[in-house]
Protein backbone atom coordinates (compact mmCIF):
# COMPACT_ATOMS: atom_id res chain seq x y z
CA MET A 1 132.78 103.13 245.15
CA LYS A 2 131.28 106.40 244.09
CA GLU A 3 132.81 106.14 240.67
CA ASN A 4 131.31 102.56 240.37
CA LYS A 5 127.86 103.90 241.49
CA THR A 6 127.88 106.61 238.91
CA GLU A 7 128.66 104.07 236.16
CA GLU A 8 125.79 101.92 237.29
CA GLN A 9 123.42 104.73 237.28
CA LYS A 10 124.29 105.79 233.82
CA PRO A 11 121.84 104.50 231.15
CA LYS A 12 123.22 102.04 228.81
CA ALA A 13 122.91 102.38 225.01
CA VAL A 14 120.89 99.75 223.40
CA ALA A 15 122.37 100.35 220.20
CA THR A 16 124.44 102.64 217.87
CA LEU A 17 122.23 104.23 215.24
CA THR A 18 121.94 107.08 212.74
CA GLY A 19 119.91 110.07 213.34
CA SER A 20 117.44 108.90 210.58
CA GLN A 21 117.10 105.49 212.28
CA ILE A 22 116.41 107.11 215.63
CA LEU A 23 113.71 109.23 214.14
CA LEU A 24 111.91 106.35 212.32
CA ASN A 25 112.09 104.37 215.66
CA GLY A 26 110.65 107.25 217.33
CA LEU A 27 107.69 107.33 214.72
CA ILE A 28 107.00 103.69 215.44
CA ALA A 29 107.04 104.27 219.28
CA GLU A 30 104.48 107.17 218.84
CA GLY A 31 102.11 104.63 216.96
CA VAL A 32 102.56 106.27 213.58
CA GLU A 33 101.72 103.98 210.66
CA THR A 34 101.30 106.43 207.67
CA ILE A 35 103.56 109.19 206.39
CA PHE A 36 102.66 111.64 203.50
CA GLY A 37 105.86 112.78 202.01
CA TYR A 38 108.09 113.62 198.74
CA PRO A 39 111.89 112.99 198.83
CA GLY A 40 114.65 115.31 197.87
CA GLY A 41 118.39 115.97 198.60
CA ALA A 42 118.42 117.34 202.14
CA ILE A 43 116.09 114.53 203.50
CA MET A 44 117.71 111.70 201.40
CA PRO A 45 119.25 110.00 204.37
CA ILE A 46 115.83 109.73 206.05
CA TYR A 47 114.49 108.07 202.90
CA ASP A 48 117.44 105.77 202.68
CA ALA A 49 116.79 104.54 206.24
CA LEU A 50 113.03 104.34 205.42
CA TYR A 51 113.77 101.67 202.90
CA ASP A 52 114.32 99.10 205.80
CA TYR A 53 111.13 100.19 207.51
CA LYS A 54 108.70 99.44 204.60
CA GLU A 55 106.87 96.73 206.53
CA THR A 56 106.12 98.97 209.47
CA LEU A 57 105.78 102.45 207.98
CA ASN A 58 103.45 103.06 205.05
CA HIS A 59 104.77 106.17 203.01
CA ILE A 60 102.35 107.62 200.58
CA LEU A 61 104.20 109.49 197.76
CA VAL A 62 102.20 112.68 197.14
CA ARG A 63 102.58 114.85 193.96
CA HIS A 64 103.13 118.20 195.85
CA GLU A 65 104.33 118.84 199.36
CA GLN A 66 101.07 121.03 200.07
CA GLY A 67 99.15 117.84 199.08
CA ALA A 68 101.06 115.97 201.92
CA THR A 69 99.99 118.54 204.61
CA HIS A 70 96.36 118.34 203.54
CA ALA A 71 96.49 114.57 203.35
CA ALA A 72 97.95 114.54 206.89
CA GLN A 73 95.13 116.90 207.95
CA GLY A 74 92.51 114.58 206.58
CA TYR A 75 94.15 111.63 208.26
CA ALA A 76 94.25 113.46 211.62
CA ARG A 77 90.66 114.62 211.29
CA THR A 78 89.12 111.17 210.63
CA SER A 79 91.55 109.03 212.85
CA GLY A 80 92.01 111.40 215.83
CA ARG A 81 95.81 110.67 215.53
CA VAL A 82 98.67 112.89 214.45
CA GLY A 83 99.30 113.25 210.83
CA VAL A 84 102.90 113.06 209.72
CA VAL A 85 104.63 114.69 206.72
CA PHE A 86 108.08 114.39 205.29
CA ALA A 87 109.51 117.01 202.92
CA THR A 88 113.14 118.33 201.79
CA SER A 89 114.72 121.57 202.35
CA GLY A 90 114.12 124.86 200.37
CA PRO A 91 110.96 124.70 198.12
CA GLY A 92 109.94 121.50 199.68
CA ALA A 93 109.75 123.03 203.09
CA THR A 94 108.09 126.23 201.83
CA ASN A 95 105.49 124.17 200.00
CA LEU A 96 104.24 123.28 203.44
CA ILE A 97 103.30 126.63 204.48
CA THR A 98 99.74 126.81 203.33
CA GLY A 99 98.82 123.39 204.99
CA LEU A 100 100.73 124.43 208.19
CA ALA A 101 98.51 127.58 208.31
CA ASP A 102 95.36 125.62 207.81
CA ALA A 103 96.25 123.07 210.42
CA GLN A 104 97.17 125.93 212.97
CA ILE A 105 93.98 127.87 212.59
CA ASP A 106 91.81 124.62 212.47
CA SER A 107 93.80 122.94 215.40
CA THR A 108 94.78 119.73 213.56
CA PRO A 109 97.61 117.78 215.14
CA MET A 110 100.41 117.43 212.51
CA VAL A 111 104.24 116.85 212.86
CA CYS A 112 106.21 117.79 209.72
CA ILE A 113 109.62 116.67 209.30
CA THR A 114 111.88 118.65 206.94
CA GLY A 115 115.53 117.98 205.72
CA GLN A 116 117.98 120.81 205.99
CA VAL A 117 121.38 121.42 204.45
CA PHE A 118 124.57 120.37 206.59
CA ALA A 119 124.89 122.43 209.58
CA HIS A 120 128.13 124.07 208.62
CA LEU A 121 126.32 125.42 205.62
CA LEU A 122 123.47 127.14 207.50
CA GLY A 123 123.47 130.92 206.70
CA THR A 124 125.46 130.56 203.53
CA ASP A 125 122.73 130.51 201.18
CA ALA A 126 123.54 127.04 200.11
CA PHE A 127 121.58 125.04 197.51
CA GLN A 128 117.94 124.45 198.68
CA GLU A 129 118.59 126.32 201.97
CA THR A 130 115.76 128.39 203.48
CA ASP A 131 115.29 129.71 207.08
CA VAL A 132 112.42 127.21 207.47
CA ILE A 133 112.22 127.97 211.31
CA ASN A 134 111.56 131.69 210.93
CA ILE A 135 109.40 131.15 208.03
CA THR A 136 107.01 128.58 209.82
CA THR A 137 107.06 130.24 213.27
CA PRO A 138 103.84 132.15 212.64
CA VAL A 139 101.99 129.20 211.35
CA THR A 140 103.08 126.34 213.85
CA LYS A 141 102.36 125.52 217.35
CA TRP A 142 106.04 124.79 217.94
CA ASN A 143 109.20 124.13 215.79
CA HIS A 144 112.79 123.42 216.19
CA GLN A 145 115.87 122.77 214.27
CA VAL A 146 118.10 119.74 215.00
CA THR A 147 121.75 119.88 214.17
CA ASP A 148 122.96 116.91 216.19
CA ALA A 149 121.71 113.25 216.14
CA SER A 150 121.55 113.02 219.82
CA GLU A 151 118.87 115.62 219.98
CA ILE A 152 116.50 113.73 217.80
CA GLU A 153 114.78 111.46 220.30
CA GLU A 154 114.07 114.02 222.73
CA VAL A 155 112.81 116.71 220.18
CA MET A 156 110.63 114.17 218.49
CA ALA A 157 108.95 113.15 221.77
CA LYS A 158 108.35 116.85 222.45
CA ALA A 159 107.02 117.33 218.92
CA PHE A 160 104.25 114.60 219.40
CA HIS A 161 103.51 115.75 222.94
CA ILE A 162 103.01 119.29 221.84
CA ALA A 163 101.04 118.67 218.66
CA GLN A 164 98.41 116.45 220.30
CA THR A 165 98.02 117.91 223.82
CA GLY A 166 95.88 120.90 224.90
CA ARG A 167 94.62 122.77 221.91
CA PRO A 168 96.18 120.62 219.08
CA GLY A 169 98.27 122.11 216.14
CA PRO A 170 101.10 121.59 213.61
CA VAL A 171 104.58 121.19 214.79
CA LEU A 172 107.72 121.25 212.46
CA VAL A 173 111.14 119.60 213.11
CA ASP A 174 114.11 120.63 210.89
CA ILE A 175 116.79 118.19 210.75
CA THR A 176 120.16 119.09 209.18
CA LYS A 177 121.86 116.45 206.81
CA ASN A 178 124.69 115.77 209.16
CA ALA A 179 122.39 115.01 211.92
CA GLN A 180 120.43 112.39 209.74
CA ILE A 181 123.69 110.42 209.06
CA GLN A 182 125.52 110.90 212.29
CA LEU A 183 125.95 107.66 214.23
CA THR A 184 125.14 108.06 217.98
CA GLU A 185 124.32 106.07 220.98
CA TYR A 186 120.62 105.28 221.19
CA PHE A 187 119.24 104.79 224.60
CA GLY A 188 115.55 103.84 223.58
CA TYR A 189 112.59 106.01 222.99
CA LYS A 190 110.71 107.60 225.77
CA LYS A 191 107.48 109.52 225.17
CA CYS A 192 107.25 113.02 226.61
CA GLU A 193 104.64 113.70 229.29
CA HIS A 194 105.72 116.83 230.49
CA ILE A 195 107.32 120.02 229.37
CA ARG A 196 108.40 122.78 231.88
CA SER A 197 106.05 126.08 231.24
CA TYR A 198 103.69 124.14 228.88
CA LYS A 199 100.45 123.42 230.55
CA PRO A 200 98.18 121.92 227.99
CA LYS A 201 95.43 120.79 230.36
CA PRO A 202 94.35 123.43 232.80
CA ILE A 203 92.63 122.73 236.23
CA VAL A 204 88.94 123.35 235.88
CA ARG A 205 87.82 125.69 238.65
CA LYS A 206 84.62 124.30 240.30
CA SER A 207 83.52 127.90 241.31
CA TYR A 208 83.12 128.91 237.61
CA ILE A 209 81.34 125.59 236.99
CA GLU A 210 78.71 126.37 239.69
CA GLU A 211 78.26 130.07 238.28
CA ALA A 212 77.76 128.61 234.83
CA ALA A 213 75.19 126.12 236.12
CA ALA A 214 73.41 128.80 238.04
CA LEU A 215 73.02 130.81 234.86
CA ILE A 216 71.89 127.89 232.86
CA ASN A 217 69.24 126.88 235.34
CA ALA A 218 67.88 130.35 235.68
CA ALA A 219 67.61 130.76 231.97
CA LYS A 220 64.31 130.87 229.90
CA LYS A 221 65.89 130.90 226.55
CA PRO A 222 69.40 129.17 226.70
CA PHE A 223 71.19 128.42 223.54
CA VAL A 224 74.26 126.13 223.03
CA LEU A 225 76.83 126.81 220.35
CA PHE A 226 79.35 124.00 219.75
CA GLY A 227 82.51 123.73 217.75
CA GLN A 228 85.34 121.29 216.96
CA GLY A 229 86.71 121.39 220.47
CA ILE A 230 84.24 118.66 221.32
CA LEU A 231 85.58 116.33 218.78
CA LEU A 232 89.19 117.19 219.45
CA GLY A 233 88.52 116.52 223.14
CA ASN A 234 86.72 113.20 222.51
CA ALA A 235 83.92 114.58 224.46
CA GLU A 236 81.01 113.85 222.08
CA GLN A 237 79.15 111.51 224.73
CA GLU A 238 79.80 113.99 227.47
CA PHE A 239 78.34 116.87 225.33
CA LYS A 240 75.17 114.70 224.25
CA ALA A 241 74.55 114.04 228.06
CA PHE A 242 74.74 117.60 228.88
CA VAL A 243 72.42 118.81 225.96
CA GLU A 244 70.00 116.10 226.70
CA LYS A 245 69.84 116.77 230.49
CA SER A 246 69.49 120.44 230.14
CA GLY A 247 67.18 120.25 227.01
CA ILE A 248 68.98 123.23 225.29
CA PRO A 249 68.83 123.79 221.53
CA ALA A 250 72.34 123.40 220.08
CA ALA A 251 73.75 124.72 216.88
CA TRP A 252 77.14 124.05 215.33
CA THR A 253 80.14 125.54 213.60
CA ILE A 254 81.24 123.90 210.25
CA LEU A 255 84.09 122.11 212.07
CA GLY A 256 81.71 121.09 215.13
CA ALA A 257 79.39 119.25 212.62
CA GLY A 258 78.87 115.53 213.72
CA ALA A 259 79.55 116.08 217.37
CA ILE A 260 75.79 115.07 217.88
CA PRO A 261 73.91 113.49 214.81
CA THR A 262 72.45 116.02 212.31
CA ASP A 263 69.00 114.56 213.20
CA HIS A 264 69.20 114.74 217.08
CA PRO A 265 66.07 116.56 218.23
CA LEU A 266 68.09 119.28 219.98
CA ASN A 267 70.40 119.89 216.98
CA VAL A 268 68.88 123.03 215.58
CA GLY A 269 71.37 123.49 212.64
CA MET A 270 74.38 125.50 211.42
CA LEU A 271 75.71 128.73 212.68
CA GLY A 272 77.31 131.48 210.44
CA MET A 273 77.30 133.31 207.45
CA HIS A 274 75.55 130.80 205.25
CA GLY A 275 74.05 128.97 208.35
CA ASN A 276 70.42 128.29 209.13
CA TYR A 277 67.83 130.90 209.81
CA GLY A 278 66.81 130.10 213.21
CA PRO A 279 70.16 129.65 214.89
CA ASN A 280 71.36 133.05 213.63
CA VAL A 281 68.18 135.09 214.35
CA LEU A 282 67.73 133.61 217.80
CA THR A 283 71.30 134.29 218.68
CA ASN A 284 70.28 137.70 219.23
CA GLU A 285 67.08 136.67 221.42
CA CYS A 286 68.58 134.05 223.87
CA ASP A 287 69.16 135.04 227.37
CA VAL A 288 72.13 132.56 228.05
CA LEU A 289 74.54 131.70 225.26
CA ILE A 290 76.74 128.66 226.07
CA ALA A 291 79.71 128.43 223.68
CA ILE A 292 81.53 125.15 223.84
CA GLY A 293 84.84 124.42 222.02
CA MET A 294 84.35 127.18 219.57
CA ARG A 295 86.27 130.56 218.88
CA PHE A 296 83.46 133.14 217.95
CA ASP A 297 84.96 133.41 214.37
CA ASP A 298 83.84 136.48 212.49
CA ARG A 299 81.90 134.24 210.01
CA VAL A 300 79.93 132.95 213.12
CA THR A 301 79.42 136.39 214.87
CA GLY A 302 78.85 138.72 212.07
CA ARG A 303 79.05 142.37 213.43
CA LEU A 304 80.32 141.93 216.94
CA ASP A 305 78.86 145.26 218.25
CA LYS A 306 75.36 143.60 217.46
CA TYR A 307 76.21 140.07 218.51
CA ALA A 308 74.20 138.60 221.40
CA LYS A 309 74.32 141.89 223.41
CA GLN A 310 71.23 140.81 225.45
CA ALA A 311 72.81 137.59 226.55
CA LYS A 312 74.86 136.30 229.28
CA VAL A 313 77.75 134.50 227.82
CA ILE A 314 79.28 131.15 229.22
CA HIS A 315 82.50 130.01 227.29
CA LEU A 316 83.99 126.67 227.70
CA ASP A 317 87.45 126.48 226.04
CA ILE A 318 90.89 124.75 226.49
CA ASP A 319 92.72 127.73 225.13
CA PRO A 320 92.57 130.76 227.45
CA ALA A 321 93.47 133.04 224.52
CA GLU A 322 90.11 132.33 222.95
CA ILE A 323 88.21 133.51 226.12
CA ASP A 324 87.07 137.21 225.77
CA LYS A 325 89.18 137.51 222.54
CA ASN A 326 86.13 138.38 220.55
CA VAL A 327 83.13 138.09 222.61
CA LYS A 328 83.09 139.27 226.29
CA THR A 329 82.25 136.34 228.64
CA THR A 330 80.04 136.45 231.71
CA VAL A 331 81.51 133.19 233.08
CA PRO A 332 84.75 131.78 231.59
CA VAL A 333 85.31 127.95 232.05
CA TRP A 334 88.80 127.17 231.11
CA GLY A 335 89.46 123.43 230.60
CA ASP A 336 89.16 120.46 228.70
CA CYS A 337 85.44 119.89 227.81
CA LYS A 338 85.73 116.22 228.54
CA GLU A 339 86.26 117.15 232.00
CA SER A 340 84.38 120.22 232.40
CA LEU A 341 81.07 119.04 230.81
CA PRO A 342 80.35 116.28 233.29
CA MET A 343 80.92 118.73 236.08
CA LEU A 344 78.40 121.04 234.49
CA THR A 345 75.96 118.29 233.58
CA GLU A 346 75.80 117.18 237.31
CA LEU A 347 74.77 120.63 238.34
CA VAL A 348 72.21 121.64 235.73
CA ASP A 349 68.52 120.94 236.11
CA GLN A 350 66.63 118.39 233.94
CA LYS A 351 64.57 120.56 231.57
CA SER A 352 62.91 120.59 228.18
CA HIS A 353 62.79 124.25 226.90
CA ALA A 354 59.78 122.98 224.59
CA GLU A 355 58.50 126.58 223.73
CA TRP A 356 61.90 128.08 223.14
CA LEU A 357 62.80 124.94 220.90
CA GLN A 358 59.66 125.35 218.93
CA LYS A 359 60.81 128.87 217.82
CA PHE A 360 63.71 127.28 216.15
CA ARG A 361 61.35 124.75 214.38
CA ASP A 362 59.18 127.65 213.27
CA PHE A 363 62.10 129.39 211.61
CA ASP A 364 63.11 125.92 210.04
CA ARG A 365 59.72 125.78 208.43
CA GLU A 366 60.15 129.42 206.98
CA GLU A 367 63.71 128.65 205.68
CA MET A 368 62.21 125.35 204.08
CA GLU A 369 59.40 127.14 202.22
CA GLN A 370 61.46 130.26 201.04
CA CYS A 371 64.97 128.73 200.50
CA ILE A 372 65.67 124.90 201.02
CA ASP A 373 62.80 123.19 199.16
CA ALA A 374 63.77 124.85 195.87
CA GLU A 375 67.34 124.04 196.27
CA ILE A 376 67.12 120.42 197.28
CA ASN A 377 63.94 119.42 195.58
CA PRO A 378 63.90 121.20 192.18
CA THR A 379 61.72 119.55 189.44
CA GLU A 380 62.95 121.64 186.37
CA GLY A 381 65.75 123.62 185.04
CA GLU A 382 69.40 122.94 185.51
CA LEU A 383 70.68 120.75 188.35
CA SER A 384 71.29 122.39 191.68
CA MET A 385 74.26 121.71 194.14
CA GLY A 386 71.75 121.09 196.96
CA GLU A 387 69.80 118.34 195.09
CA ILE A 388 73.11 116.48 194.63
CA ILE A 389 73.83 116.48 198.25
CA ASN A 390 70.15 115.37 199.05
CA GLN A 391 70.48 112.53 196.85
CA LEU A 392 73.90 111.58 198.09
CA ASN A 393 72.38 111.63 201.77
CA GLN A 394 69.69 109.22 200.62
CA LEU A 395 72.13 106.79 199.34
CA THR A 396 74.79 106.98 202.28
CA LYS A 397 72.19 107.26 204.94
CA GLY A 398 74.60 109.91 206.64
CA ASP A 399 77.29 107.48 207.36
CA ALA A 400 79.83 108.51 204.77
CA ILE A 401 82.89 110.90 205.48
CA ILE A 402 82.31 113.96 203.37
CA VAL A 403 85.46 116.17 202.51
CA THR A 404 84.75 119.46 201.15
CA ASP A 405 86.85 122.14 199.46
CA VAL A 406 86.16 125.73 199.75
CA GLY A 407 83.48 127.93 197.99
CA GLN A 408 79.74 127.51 197.35
CA HIS A 409 79.74 123.68 197.10
CA GLN A 410 81.27 123.80 200.61
CA MET A 411 78.57 125.78 202.17
CA VAL A 412 75.90 123.65 200.24
CA ALA A 413 77.47 120.44 201.52
CA CYS A 414 77.78 121.58 205.14
CA ARG A 415 74.36 122.76 205.12
CA TYR A 416 72.62 119.79 203.70
CA ALA A 417 74.93 116.64 204.22
CA LYS A 418 73.82 114.26 206.99
CA PHE A 419 76.29 113.37 209.69
CA ASN A 420 75.37 110.43 211.94
CA ASN A 421 78.96 109.96 213.18
CA THR A 422 81.60 112.24 214.78
CA ARG A 423 84.72 113.11 212.60
CA SER A 424 82.64 112.77 209.49
CA ASN A 425 82.89 116.26 208.15
CA VAL A 426 86.33 117.18 206.85
CA THR A 427 86.65 120.76 205.49
CA SER A 428 89.03 123.81 205.61
CA GLY A 429 87.34 126.12 208.17
CA GLY A 430 89.35 129.14 209.21
CA LEU A 431 91.86 129.52 206.40
CA GLY A 432 89.51 128.60 203.75
CA THR A 433 92.03 126.75 201.50
CA MET A 434 90.91 126.18 197.91
CA GLY A 435 92.55 122.83 196.80
CA PHE A 436 92.06 121.26 200.40
CA ALA A 437 89.53 118.62 199.51
CA LEU A 438 91.25 116.16 197.05
CA PRO A 439 94.58 115.51 199.06
CA ALA A 440 92.52 115.57 202.34
CA ALA A 441 90.16 113.07 201.14
CA ILE A 442 93.23 110.78 200.44
CA GLY A 443 94.35 111.23 204.11
CA ALA A 444 90.77 110.78 205.37
CA LYS A 445 90.47 107.42 203.71
CA PHE A 446 93.76 106.13 205.21
CA GLY A 447 92.51 107.43 208.61
CA ALA A 448 89.23 105.70 208.29
CA PRO A 449 89.62 102.82 205.80
CA ASP A 450 86.42 101.35 206.65
CA LYS A 451 84.29 104.28 205.85
CA ASP A 452 83.04 105.62 202.41
CA VAL A 453 84.88 108.92 201.71
CA VAL A 454 83.29 111.29 199.20
CA ALA A 455 85.27 114.53 198.21
CA ILE A 456 82.90 117.25 197.03
CA ILE A 457 84.92 119.83 195.12
CA GLY A 458 84.18 122.99 192.94
CA ASP A 459 85.78 123.28 189.29
CA GLY A 460 88.08 126.03 190.52
CA GLY A 461 89.31 124.24 193.75
CA PHE A 462 89.96 120.95 191.99
CA GLN A 463 92.31 122.59 189.48
CA MET A 464 94.52 123.76 192.45
CA THR A 465 95.62 120.29 193.53
CA LEU A 466 94.51 117.94 190.73
CA GLN A 467 98.04 116.64 190.50
CA GLU A 468 97.11 114.56 193.59
CA LEU A 469 95.18 112.25 191.22
CA GLY A 470 98.54 110.75 190.56
CA THR A 471 98.68 109.92 194.34
CA ILE A 472 95.35 108.27 194.13
CA MET A 473 96.41 106.33 191.16
CA GLN A 474 99.62 104.97 192.65
CA SER A 475 98.23 104.39 196.30
CA LYS A 476 95.03 102.78 194.78
CA VAL A 477 93.07 104.50 197.76
CA ASN A 478 89.33 104.21 197.27
CA VAL A 479 88.07 107.76 197.36
CA LYS A 480 84.98 109.05 195.60
CA ILE A 481 85.20 112.61 193.77
CA ILE A 482 82.23 114.73 192.98
CA ILE A 483 82.96 117.92 191.12
CA LEU A 484 80.06 120.27 191.27
CA ASN A 485 80.89 122.36 188.01
CA ASN A 486 79.15 125.69 187.73
CA GLN A 487 81.85 127.05 185.43
CA PHE A 488 82.50 129.83 187.85
CA LEU A 489 84.53 130.67 190.82
CA GLY A 490 81.06 130.61 192.49
CA MET A 491 81.43 132.14 195.78
CA VAL A 492 83.37 135.21 194.44
CA ARG A 493 80.89 135.42 191.61
CA GLN A 494 77.86 135.50 194.01
CA TRP A 495 79.63 138.37 196.13
CA GLN A 496 80.03 140.20 192.68
CA GLU A 497 76.38 139.66 191.88
CA LEU A 498 75.04 140.70 195.20
CA PHE A 499 77.42 143.60 195.99
CA ASN A 500 79.19 144.74 192.99
CA ASP A 501 76.38 145.13 190.53
CA LYS A 502 77.06 141.77 188.52
CA ARG A 503 80.34 143.12 187.66
CA TYR A 504 81.80 139.71 187.08
CA SER A 505 85.56 140.31 187.34
CA PHE A 506 87.75 137.31 186.38
CA VAL A 507 85.58 134.77 187.80
CA ASP A 508 84.44 132.78 184.65
CA ILE A 509 86.74 129.80 184.70
CA THR A 510 87.34 127.36 181.77
CA SER A 511 88.09 123.68 182.77
CA PRO A 512 89.51 120.73 181.08
CA ASP A 513 87.53 117.54 180.54
CA PHE A 514 87.75 116.32 184.13
CA VAL A 515 86.44 112.74 183.23
CA ALA A 516 89.14 112.41 180.61
CA LEU A 517 91.78 113.76 183.00
CA ALA A 518 90.83 111.12 185.53
CA LYS A 519 90.98 108.45 183.04
CA SER A 520 94.50 109.47 182.27
CA TYR A 521 95.36 108.48 185.76
CA TYR A 522 93.54 105.26 185.25
CA ILE A 523 90.47 106.41 187.37
CA ASP A 524 87.08 105.72 186.01
CA GLY A 525 84.53 108.56 185.76
CA LYS A 526 81.39 110.15 184.33
CA ARG A 527 79.97 113.40 183.56
CA ILE A 528 76.22 114.20 183.97
CA SER A 529 73.84 117.13 183.36
CA GLU A 530 70.36 115.65 183.59
CA ARG A 531 68.31 115.29 186.61
CA SER A 532 67.21 111.75 185.22
CA GLU A 533 71.03 110.65 185.64
CA VAL A 534 71.56 111.72 189.06
CA ILE A 535 70.64 108.64 191.19
CA ASP A 536 72.05 106.09 188.94
CA ALA A 537 75.39 108.18 188.56
CA LEU A 538 75.72 108.42 192.30
CA THR A 539 74.94 104.57 192.81
CA THR A 540 77.51 103.71 190.26
CA MET A 541 80.15 105.79 191.89
CA LEU A 542 79.38 104.59 195.43
CA ASN A 543 79.31 100.94 194.17
CA HIS A 544 82.29 101.25 192.17
CA ASP A 545 85.41 99.04 193.38
CA GLY A 546 88.08 101.81 193.45
CA PRO A 547 88.37 105.55 193.08
CA TYR A 548 85.84 107.26 190.86
CA LEU A 549 85.19 110.73 189.58
CA LEU A 550 81.81 112.24 188.90
CA GLU A 551 81.33 115.51 187.31
CA VAL A 552 78.00 117.38 187.71
CA MET A 553 77.19 120.21 185.51
CA VAL A 554 75.11 122.40 187.87
CA LYS A 555 73.44 125.88 187.33
CA LYS A 556 75.93 128.52 186.65
CA GLU A 557 74.47 131.40 188.40
CA ASN A 558 72.83 129.95 191.55
CA ASN A 559 73.51 131.60 194.95
CA VAL A 560 73.85 130.02 198.39
CA PHE A 561 71.23 131.28 200.94
CA PRO A 562 70.57 132.11 203.71
CA MET A 563 73.36 134.51 203.79
CA VAL A 564 74.61 137.00 206.40
CA PRO A 565 76.08 139.96 204.36
CA GLN A 566 79.46 141.11 205.52
CA GLY A 567 79.28 143.87 207.97
CA CYS A 568 75.65 142.94 209.03
CA SER A 569 74.31 141.48 212.26
CA VAL A 570 73.49 137.72 212.33
CA SER A 571 69.92 138.76 212.89
CA GLU A 572 69.89 140.43 209.38
CA ILE A 573 70.27 137.27 207.63
CA ARG A 574 68.77 137.20 204.09
CA LEU A 575 66.58 134.04 202.82
CA LYS A 576 67.02 135.33 199.24
């Protein structure tokens, strides 16, 4: 009788499948619709199985594995879902490293599947074998090597759970070729909901909420700094309710842009090295600093020994490693901001802080007069980056998704672009990856197909991943590309001008005919250099049915201001 009972309790296999089929069934069970990848020898069995899943899984063939990672990032950032990447072993896997590092520091959920040589060849320096697990350990939230097909279902469930819970991040699963082709019993896919020792959602301590509320209610000059944690926690409405009840001025990190609309009356602008004047200066005048879902990056704080020393600091974050890491906290609130913010909102007083808010607006006027107006409203001379972004705002009305690369154009776009909606600003924040924007825009469009997606890129960064024009051509993805061409590696040149006596060392970059290049990929385009052409050219680009490349020749030696010089306090920000 006991033996029969054991037999009855043993789960029954629903099918006998290969490891590759189990993997693909797992992706479908996790809600995956789009994969960015590039086939090769060690992952060929998975691609062979994928042939039978064409109606369910949309595979986008990139032109370089780094492009796949950035596309997956763009997809994750606009959709709020996990980006998925396929790559082969050896160089295919190592080409993922930059994208993994970018996703790790910017907390982007991503699952990368790499093929690997047969298990019996591991450690023999077989063709296209690399130790991808040890190579990727520093740049992933979790990684794992599978050598038997029976492991795949459980490992994939763990991978998706880890990638998208707590503080999100990239996960890599390396699957040996024998595990891909091995037949094994399949018992169905069960999503992972718990892993022992992994606590992605901490319990919010009410005592800390009460302490934070008491500080906020007593504050005369409170100031909120908000970051991407609000977007990752889907807590935009909770954040808006908190800000509006407390009446506290709020400024954003570049990855936090869009958590509340740019034109919200309590949104006082951008933090950091090229942020707005008021938020930087008044950081060192506030009496209570409330940081929500941000990590006090060095580009935000400037010199730490001169950063907000007069203020009591409240830090809300889901990752305990970020609390007290850079800035000492008076009240730490460890938890998911979607949960902690309503608890805090309930306890704070309804206030307006009108006089304090007016100080930010006074700084706004000074910044507009000394810096912004000449950048976005020039009437003579060469075109500026700022006026292009300003005109784009007029046409998109702040509803487009803006994807930026890294450099001067990135800072200009982040400063001047309007964002009415969440998940509308896609950029490389912590790692600062040149070449990010073009493939990220592809993924962003797949993640938000009903939105206009505009990639704003410099002439240097564009040449790092321009091969992804081939991906646009083949997938027919409707992205708009603006190249702001100043014929320099502009941000490096700016630093060389300001801090190295104009010793321009290897920043003068020669570029191909970008419009002709685009047309070789069957992508329409135009090059402009005159102010009278701007509105018509932008309108044509936005209205074009399909991808379009617009090259804009801008002033060569234009600098991005304001600027907090490296090694200086945020209150030492320069307007010119």
